[in-house]
């Protein structure tokens, strides 16, 4: 029974946060700021580091809301893309994408290789191990780069 009460408190806290975020978002919109600015501000305000209304444990329990929200955001962003509008920008999008696909892994890999003498776990590696780790890091940087999405 106590576990259900805890879940109810977490969900109620989330509901209060959602309503407050909506109000703060509308307030930010008066200053011609995007609604998301108000939502982020509300989350920071009630989070564990400012007012502490939502604890670290509650944040872990609300992780499912985070994941579902990301799916909805991706769906909403996809529904806003119109192919007719993209066709005029297709060449520049392609250049940005190809440039990112080349520049990010090369720059990231070279930077990691040059810094490998200062990284404790890479210090003892042979040169070919450092190159392999640098190539892997460059590939991971490319996979995690949001700049291709921002270009669209």
N, C-alpha and C. Protein backbone atom coordinates (compact mmCIF):
# COMPACT_ATOMS: atom_id res chain seq x y z
N UNK A 1 0.83 -1.20 0.00
CA UNK A 1 0.00 0.00 0.00
C UNK A 1 0.87 1.26 0.00
N UNK A 2 1.94 1.20 0.79
CA UNK A 2 2.81 2.37 0.89
C UNK A 2 3.49 2.67 -0.45
N UNK A 3 3.80 1.62 -1.21
CA UNK A 3 4.43 1.81 -2.51
C UNK A 3 3.50 2.55 -3.46
N UNK A 4 2.20 2.22 -3.42
CA UNK A 4 1.23 2.90 -4.27
C UNK A 4 1.10 4.38 -3.88
N UNK A 5 1.18 4.66 -2.59
CA UNK A 5 1.11 6.05 -2.15
C UNK A 5 2.32 6.83 -2.67
N UNK A 6 3.46 6.19 -2.66
CA UNK A 6 4.67 6.86 -3.16
C UNK A 6 4.54 7.15 -4.65
N UNK A 7 4.02 6.19 -5.41
CA UNK A 7 3.81 6.40 -6.84
C UNK A 7 2.80 7.52 -7.06
N UNK A 8 1.75 7.56 -6.25
CA UNK A 8 0.75 8.61 -6.39
C UNK A 8 1.36 9.98 -6.11
N UNK A 9 2.23 10.06 -5.11
CA UNK A 9 2.89 11.33 -4.80
C UNK A 9 3.79 11.75 -5.96
N UNK A 10 4.51 10.81 -6.54
CA UNK A 10 5.40 11.12 -7.67
C UNK A 10 4.58 11.62 -8.85
N UNK A 11 3.49 10.94 -9.16
CA UNK A 11 2.65 11.35 -10.29
C UNK A 11 1.97 12.69 -10.02
N UNK A 12 1.56 12.93 -8.78
CA UNK A 12 0.96 14.21 -8.43
C UNK A 12 2.00 15.33 -8.57
N UNK A 13 3.22 15.06 -8.13
CA UNK A 13 4.30 16.05 -8.29
C UNK A 13 4.54 16.36 -9.76
N UNK A 14 4.51 15.32 -10.57
CA UNK A 14 4.69 15.52 -12.01
C UNK A 14 3.55 16.36 -12.58
N UNK A 15 2.32 16.09 -12.14
CA UNK A 15 1.17 16.87 -12.62
C UNK A 15 1.29 18.34 -12.25
N UNK A 16 1.68 18.60 -11.01
CA UNK A 16 1.87 19.99 -10.57
C UNK A 16 2.97 20.65 -11.39
N UNK A 17 4.05 19.93 -11.63
CA UNK A 17 5.14 20.46 -12.44
C UNK A 17 4.66 20.77 -13.86
N UNK A 18 3.85 19.88 -14.43
CA UNK A 18 3.37 20.10 -15.80
C UNK A 18 2.50 21.35 -15.87
N UNK A 19 1.62 21.54 -14.91
CA UNK A 19 0.77 22.74 -14.90
C UNK A 19 1.62 23.99 -14.69
N UNK A 20 2.55 23.93 -13.75
CA UNK A 20 3.42 25.08 -13.49
C UNK A 20 4.28 25.39 -14.70
N UNK A 21 4.78 24.37 -15.36
CA UNK A 21 5.61 24.59 -16.55
C UNK A 21 4.81 25.25 -17.65
N UNK A 22 3.55 24.86 -17.80
CA UNK A 22 2.70 25.51 -18.80
C UNK A 22 2.52 26.99 -18.52
N UNK A 23 2.29 27.32 -17.26
CA UNK A 23 2.12 28.72 -16.89
C UNK A 23 3.41 29.51 -17.07
N UNK A 24 4.51 28.93 -16.65
CA UNK A 24 5.80 29.62 -16.80
C UNK A 24 6.15 29.75 -18.27
N UNK A 25 5.83 28.73 -19.07
CA UNK A 25 6.08 28.80 -20.51
C UNK A 25 5.30 29.93 -21.16
N UNK A 26 4.04 30.09 -20.77
CA UNK A 26 3.23 31.20 -21.31
C UNK A 26 3.80 32.55 -20.88
N UNK A 27 4.31 32.61 -19.65
CA UNK A 27 4.93 33.85 -19.17
C UNK A 27 6.16 34.18 -20.01
N UNK A 28 6.99 33.18 -20.30
CA UNK A 28 8.17 33.40 -21.13
C UNK A 28 7.78 33.81 -22.54
N UNK A 29 6.65 33.29 -23.04
CA UNK A 29 6.20 33.62 -24.40
C UNK A 29 5.88 35.10 -24.53
N UNK A 30 5.49 35.74 -23.44
CA UNK A 30 5.23 37.19 -23.49
C UNK A 30 6.48 37.97 -23.88
N UNK A 31 7.63 37.41 -23.55
CA UNK A 31 8.90 38.06 -23.87
C UNK A 31 9.50 37.51 -25.16
N UNK A 32 8.64 36.88 -25.96
CA UNK A 32 9.03 36.32 -27.26
C UNK A 32 10.10 35.24 -27.15
N UNK A 33 10.06 34.51 -26.05
CA UNK A 33 10.94 33.35 -25.87
C UNK A 33 10.12 32.10 -26.18
N UNK A 34 10.75 31.04 -26.65
CA UNK A 34 10.00 29.81 -26.93
C UNK A 34 9.44 29.20 -25.65
N UNK A 35 8.33 28.49 -25.79
CA UNK A 35 7.70 27.85 -24.63
C UNK A 35 8.66 26.91 -23.91
N UNK A 36 9.50 26.25 -24.67
CA UNK A 36 10.42 25.28 -24.07
C UNK A 36 11.34 25.94 -23.04
N UNK A 37 11.63 27.23 -23.21
CA UNK A 37 12.47 27.95 -22.23
C UNK A 37 11.78 27.97 -20.87
N UNK A 38 10.49 28.24 -20.88
CA UNK A 38 9.74 28.23 -19.63
C UNK A 38 9.65 26.84 -19.02
N UNK A 39 9.48 25.83 -19.88
CA UNK A 39 9.40 24.46 -19.38
C UNK A 39 10.71 24.06 -18.72
N UNK A 40 11.82 24.39 -19.37
CA UNK A 40 13.13 24.06 -18.80
C UNK A 40 13.37 24.80 -17.48
N UNK A 41 12.99 26.07 -17.46
CA UNK A 41 13.15 26.86 -16.25
C UNK A 41 12.34 26.26 -15.10
N UNK A 42 11.11 25.85 -15.38
CA UNK A 42 10.27 25.24 -14.35
C UNK A 42 10.89 23.95 -13.84
N UNK A 43 11.43 23.13 -14.74
CA UNK A 43 12.07 21.89 -14.33
C UNK A 43 13.28 22.13 -13.45
N UNK A 44 14.07 23.12 -13.81
CA UNK A 44 15.25 23.44 -13.01
C UNK A 44 14.82 23.97 -11.65
N UNK A 45 13.78 24.78 -11.64
CA UNK A 45 13.32 25.40 -10.41
C UNK A 45 12.83 24.38 -9.39
N UNK A 46 11.99 23.44 -9.82
CA UNK A 46 11.42 22.48 -8.86
C UNK A 46 12.30 21.25 -8.66
N UNK A 47 13.37 21.12 -9.43
CA UNK A 47 14.24 19.96 -9.33
C UNK A 47 15.01 19.91 -8.03
N UNK A 48 15.80 18.86 -7.87
CA UNK A 48 16.48 18.63 -6.60
C UNK A 48 17.58 19.63 -6.27
N UNK A 49 18.00 20.44 -7.24
CA UNK A 49 19.14 21.32 -6.99
C UNK A 49 18.75 22.75 -6.64
N UNK A 50 17.48 23.15 -6.83
CA UNK A 50 17.07 24.50 -6.47
C UNK A 50 16.08 24.44 -5.31
N UNK A 51 14.80 24.17 -5.60
CA UNK A 51 13.81 24.11 -4.53
C UNK A 51 13.72 22.72 -3.89
N UNK A 52 14.11 21.70 -4.62
CA UNK A 52 14.09 20.35 -4.07
C UNK A 52 12.70 19.76 -3.93
N UNK A 53 11.72 20.26 -4.68
CA UNK A 53 10.36 19.71 -4.60
C UNK A 53 10.30 18.30 -5.18
N UNK A 54 11.17 18.01 -6.11
CA UNK A 54 11.26 16.66 -6.66
C UNK A 54 12.64 16.13 -6.32
N UNK A 55 12.68 14.99 -5.64
CA UNK A 55 13.95 14.43 -5.15
C UNK A 55 14.66 13.65 -6.25
N UNK A 56 15.90 13.29 -5.97
CA UNK A 56 16.67 12.48 -6.91
C UNK A 56 15.99 11.13 -7.14
N UNK A 57 15.44 10.54 -6.07
CA UNK A 57 14.76 9.25 -6.20
C UNK A 57 13.53 9.38 -7.10
N UNK A 58 12.80 10.47 -6.96
CA UNK A 58 11.63 10.68 -7.81
C UNK A 58 12.03 10.86 -9.26
N UNK A 59 13.16 11.50 -9.50
CA UNK A 59 13.63 11.66 -10.88
C UNK A 59 13.90 10.31 -11.53
N UNK A 60 14.46 9.40 -10.76
CA UNK A 60 14.72 8.07 -11.31
C UNK A 60 13.41 7.35 -11.63
N UNK A 61 12.40 7.57 -10.80
CA UNK A 61 11.11 6.92 -11.04
C UNK A 61 10.36 7.56 -12.21
N UNK A 62 10.68 8.80 -12.53
CA UNK A 62 10.03 9.48 -13.66
C UNK A 62 10.78 9.30 -14.97
N UNK A 63 11.77 8.43 -14.98
CA UNK A 63 12.55 8.20 -16.19
C UNK A 63 11.69 7.72 -17.34
N UNK A 64 10.65 6.93 -17.03
CA UNK A 64 9.76 6.46 -18.10
C UNK A 64 9.05 7.62 -18.77
N UNK A 65 8.72 8.66 -18.03
CA UNK A 65 8.07 9.84 -18.60
C UNK A 65 9.04 10.53 -19.56
N UNK A 66 10.29 10.58 -19.19
CA UNK A 66 11.32 11.17 -20.04
C UNK A 66 11.40 10.43 -21.38
N UNK A 67 11.43 9.12 -21.32
CA UNK A 67 11.56 8.33 -22.55
C UNK A 67 10.32 8.45 -23.43
N UNK A 68 9.14 8.42 -22.83
CA UNK A 68 7.91 8.57 -23.61
C UNK A 68 7.84 9.98 -24.20
N UNK A 69 8.27 10.97 -23.44
CA UNK A 69 8.25 12.35 -23.93
C UNK A 69 9.16 12.51 -25.14
N UNK A 70 10.32 11.89 -25.10
CA UNK A 70 11.22 11.98 -26.25
C UNK A 70 10.60 11.37 -27.50
N UNK A 71 9.85 10.30 -27.32
CA UNK A 71 9.17 9.70 -28.47
C UNK A 71 8.13 10.65 -29.04
N UNK A 72 7.37 11.30 -28.17
CA UNK A 72 6.37 12.27 -28.64
C UNK A 72 7.02 13.48 -29.31
N UNK A 73 8.14 13.94 -28.75
CA UNK A 73 8.85 15.07 -29.35
C UNK A 73 9.34 14.70 -30.75
N UNK A 74 9.90 13.51 -30.89
CA UNK A 74 10.38 13.07 -32.20
C UNK A 74 9.22 12.95 -33.18
N UNK A 75 8.09 12.44 -32.72
CA UNK A 75 6.92 12.32 -33.59
C UNK A 75 6.43 13.70 -34.01
N UNK A 76 6.36 14.63 -33.06
CA UNK A 76 5.90 15.99 -33.38
C UNK A 76 6.86 16.69 -34.33
N UNK A 77 8.15 16.50 -34.12
CA UNK A 77 9.14 17.11 -35.02
C UNK A 77 9.02 16.53 -36.41
N UNK A 78 8.80 15.24 -36.51
CA UNK A 78 8.63 14.61 -37.81
C UNK A 78 7.39 15.07 -38.53
N UNK A 79 6.35 15.36 -37.77
CA UNK A 79 5.11 15.81 -38.41
C UNK A 79 5.22 17.24 -38.92
N UNK A 80 6.22 17.98 -38.47
CA UNK A 80 6.43 19.36 -38.91
C UNK A 80 7.32 19.45 -40.15
N UNK A 81 7.87 18.34 -40.58
CA UNK A 81 8.75 18.35 -41.75
C UNK A 81 7.90 18.16 -43.00
N UNK A 82 8.01 19.10 -43.92
CA UNK A 82 7.28 19.03 -45.18
C UNK A 82 8.30 18.85 -46.30
N UNK A 83 8.13 17.78 -47.06
CA UNK A 83 9.10 17.46 -48.10
C UNK A 83 9.23 18.55 -49.15
N UNK A 84 8.13 19.21 -49.45
CA UNK A 84 8.19 20.28 -50.46
C UNK A 84 9.12 21.41 -50.01
N UNK A 85 9.08 21.73 -48.74
CA UNK A 85 9.96 22.78 -48.22
C UNK A 85 11.42 22.31 -48.16
N UNK A 86 11.62 21.01 -47.94
CA UNK A 86 12.98 20.49 -47.85
C UNK A 86 13.67 20.41 -49.20
N UNK A 87 12.92 20.23 -50.26
CA UNK A 87 13.54 20.04 -51.58
C UNK A 87 14.40 21.23 -51.98
N UNK A 88 13.99 22.43 -51.62
CA UNK A 88 14.79 23.60 -51.98
C UNK A 88 16.09 23.66 -51.17
N UNK A 89 16.12 23.01 -50.03
CA UNK A 89 17.31 23.02 -49.17
C UNK A 89 18.10 21.72 -49.23
N UNK A 90 17.71 20.82 -50.09
CA UNK A 90 18.31 19.49 -50.10
C UNK A 90 19.82 19.52 -50.32
N UNK A 91 20.29 20.38 -51.21
CA UNK A 91 21.72 20.46 -51.49
C UNK A 91 22.50 20.92 -50.25
N UNK A 92 22.01 21.96 -49.57
CA UNK A 92 22.73 22.44 -48.38
C UNK A 92 22.66 21.42 -47.25
N UNK A 93 21.53 20.73 -47.11
CA UNK A 93 21.42 19.69 -46.08
C UNK A 93 22.42 18.57 -46.37
N UNK A 94 22.55 18.20 -47.64
CA UNK A 94 23.49 17.15 -48.02
C UNK A 94 24.93 17.57 -47.71
N UNK A 95 25.28 18.82 -48.02
CA UNK A 95 26.64 19.30 -47.73
C UNK A 95 26.93 19.31 -46.23
N UNK A 96 25.97 19.76 -45.45
CA UNK A 96 26.16 19.78 -44.00
C UNK A 96 26.30 18.35 -43.47
N UNK A 97 25.48 17.45 -43.96
CA UNK A 97 25.54 16.07 -43.51
C UNK A 97 26.86 15.41 -43.87
N UNK A 98 27.30 15.58 -45.12
CA UNK A 98 28.58 15.00 -45.55
C UNK A 98 29.74 15.66 -44.79
N UNK A 99 29.67 16.97 -44.62
CA UNK A 99 30.72 17.66 -43.86
C UNK A 99 30.80 17.16 -42.43
N UNK A 100 29.65 16.97 -41.81
CA UNK A 100 29.63 16.43 -40.45
C UNK A 100 30.17 15.01 -40.40
N UNK A 101 29.78 14.21 -41.38
CA UNK A 101 30.20 12.81 -41.41
C UNK A 101 31.71 12.68 -41.55
N UNK A 102 32.34 13.70 -42.11
CA UNK A 102 33.80 13.67 -42.27
C UNK A 102 34.49 14.42 -41.13
N UNK A 103 34.04 15.64 -40.85
CA UNK A 103 34.75 16.51 -39.91
C UNK A 103 34.66 16.03 -38.46
N UNK A 104 33.50 15.58 -38.03
CA UNK A 104 33.34 15.23 -36.61
C UNK A 104 34.22 14.04 -36.21
N UNK A 105 34.19 12.92 -36.95
CA UNK A 105 35.07 11.83 -36.52
C UNK A 105 36.56 12.15 -36.69
N UNK A 106 36.90 12.89 -37.74
CA UNK A 106 38.32 13.22 -37.95
C UNK A 106 38.81 14.14 -36.85
N UNK A 107 38.10 15.24 -36.61
CA UNK A 107 38.53 16.20 -35.57
C UNK A 107 38.51 15.56 -34.18
N UNK A 108 37.44 14.84 -33.88
CA UNK A 108 37.35 14.19 -32.57
C UNK A 108 38.41 13.12 -32.38
N UNK A 109 38.62 12.31 -33.41
CA UNK A 109 39.63 11.26 -33.32
C UNK A 109 41.04 11.81 -33.20
N UNK A 110 41.35 12.83 -34.00
CA UNK A 110 42.69 13.45 -33.93
C UNK A 110 42.89 14.11 -32.56
N UNK A 111 41.87 14.80 -32.07
CA UNK A 111 41.99 15.45 -30.76
C UNK A 111 42.23 14.42 -29.66
N UNK A 112 41.49 13.32 -29.70
CA UNK A 112 41.68 12.29 -28.68
C UNK A 112 43.06 11.66 -28.80
N UNK A 113 43.51 11.43 -30.02
CA UNK A 113 44.84 10.84 -30.20
C UNK A 113 45.92 11.78 -29.66
N UNK A 114 45.78 13.08 -29.94
CA UNK A 114 46.77 14.04 -29.44
C UNK A 114 46.75 14.16 -27.92
N UNK A 115 45.58 13.95 -27.32
CA UNK A 115 45.46 14.04 -25.87
C UNK A 115 45.66 12.69 -25.18
N UNK A 116 45.88 11.64 -25.94
CA UNK A 116 45.94 10.29 -25.36
C UNK A 116 47.06 10.14 -24.33
N UNK A 117 48.10 10.92 -24.42
CA UNK A 117 49.16 10.86 -23.42
C UNK A 117 48.74 11.40 -22.07
N UNK A 118 47.67 12.18 -22.04
CA UNK A 118 47.17 12.76 -20.79
C UNK A 118 46.01 11.98 -20.20
N UNK A 119 45.50 11.01 -20.93
CA UNK A 119 44.36 10.21 -20.46
C UNK A 119 44.91 8.95 -19.82
N UNK A 120 44.61 8.73 -18.53
CA UNK A 120 45.26 7.63 -17.80
C UNK A 120 45.14 6.25 -18.46
N UNK A 121 43.98 5.87 -18.91
CA UNK A 121 43.84 4.51 -19.44
C UNK A 121 44.48 4.37 -20.82
N UNK A 122 44.72 5.48 -21.52
CA UNK A 122 45.33 5.41 -22.85
C UNK A 122 46.85 5.56 -22.80
N UNK A 123 47.37 6.02 -21.68
CA UNK A 123 48.80 6.28 -21.55
C UNK A 123 49.64 5.02 -21.78
N UNK A 124 49.15 3.90 -21.30
CA UNK A 124 49.90 2.65 -21.39
C UNK A 124 49.65 1.89 -22.69
N UNK A 125 48.73 2.36 -23.51
CA UNK A 125 48.40 1.66 -24.76
C UNK A 125 49.49 1.84 -25.80
N UNK A 126 49.67 0.81 -26.64
CA UNK A 126 50.56 1.02 -27.79
C UNK A 126 49.91 1.97 -28.79
N UNK A 127 50.67 2.45 -29.75
CA UNK A 127 50.17 3.44 -30.71
C UNK A 127 48.96 2.92 -31.48
N UNK A 128 49.01 1.65 -31.91
CA UNK A 128 47.86 1.13 -32.66
C UNK A 128 46.60 1.04 -31.79
N UNK A 129 46.76 0.81 -30.50
CA UNK A 129 45.61 0.83 -29.58
C UNK A 129 45.05 2.23 -29.42
N UNK A 130 45.94 3.22 -29.36
CA UNK A 130 45.50 4.61 -29.27
C UNK A 130 44.75 5.03 -30.53
N UNK A 131 45.26 4.59 -31.68
CA UNK A 131 44.58 4.91 -32.94
C UNK A 131 43.20 4.27 -32.97
N UNK A 132 43.11 3.01 -32.55
CA UNK A 132 41.82 2.32 -32.55
C UNK A 132 40.83 3.00 -31.61
N UNK A 133 41.29 3.37 -30.42
CA UNK A 133 40.41 4.05 -29.46
C UNK A 133 39.98 5.41 -30.00
N UNK A 134 40.89 6.11 -30.67
CA UNK A 134 40.56 7.42 -31.24
C UNK A 134 39.55 7.29 -32.36
N UNK A 135 39.70 6.28 -33.21
CA UNK A 135 38.73 6.05 -34.29
C UNK A 135 37.35 5.70 -33.72
N UNK A 136 37.35 4.87 -32.68
CA UNK A 136 36.08 4.51 -32.04
C UNK A 136 35.43 5.74 -31.43
N UNK A 137 36.20 6.57 -30.74
CA UNK A 137 35.65 7.79 -30.14
C UNK A 137 35.12 8.73 -31.21
N UNK A 138 35.83 8.87 -32.32
CA UNK A 138 35.35 9.71 -33.42
C UNK A 138 34.03 9.22 -33.97
N UNK A 139 33.89 7.91 -34.10
CA UNK A 139 32.64 7.33 -34.59
C UNK A 139 31.51 7.58 -33.60
N UNK A 140 31.79 7.42 -32.31
CA UNK A 140 30.77 7.67 -31.29
C UNK A 140 30.37 9.14 -31.30
N UNK A 141 31.33 10.04 -31.45
CA UNK A 141 31.01 11.47 -31.52
C UNK A 141 30.08 11.76 -32.69
N UNK A 142 30.30 11.12 -33.81
CA UNK A 142 29.43 11.32 -34.97
C UNK A 142 28.03 10.82 -34.69
N UNK A 143 27.93 9.66 -34.06
CA UNK A 143 26.61 9.10 -33.77
C UNK A 143 25.84 9.96 -32.78
N UNK A 144 26.53 10.65 -31.88
CA UNK A 144 25.88 11.45 -30.85
C UNK A 144 25.72 12.92 -31.24
N UNK A 145 26.15 13.30 -32.44
CA UNK A 145 26.13 14.70 -32.85
C UNK A 145 24.73 15.12 -33.28
N UNK A 146 24.17 16.16 -32.68
CA UNK A 146 22.84 16.63 -33.07
C UNK A 146 22.86 17.59 -34.25
N UNK A 147 24.03 17.94 -34.76
CA UNK A 147 24.09 18.99 -35.78
C UNK A 147 23.41 18.59 -37.08
N UNK A 148 23.39 17.31 -37.44
CA UNK A 148 22.68 16.90 -38.65
C UNK A 148 21.19 17.10 -38.50
N UNK A 149 20.68 16.81 -37.32
CA UNK A 149 19.25 17.00 -37.07
C UNK A 149 18.91 18.48 -37.07
N UNK A 150 19.78 19.29 -36.48
CA UNK A 150 19.54 20.73 -36.43
C UNK A 150 19.54 21.32 -37.83
N UNK A 151 20.37 20.78 -38.72
CA UNK A 151 20.41 21.28 -40.10
C UNK A 151 19.06 21.12 -40.78
N UNK A 152 18.38 20.04 -40.49
CA UNK A 152 17.07 19.82 -41.10
C UNK A 152 16.06 20.72 -40.45
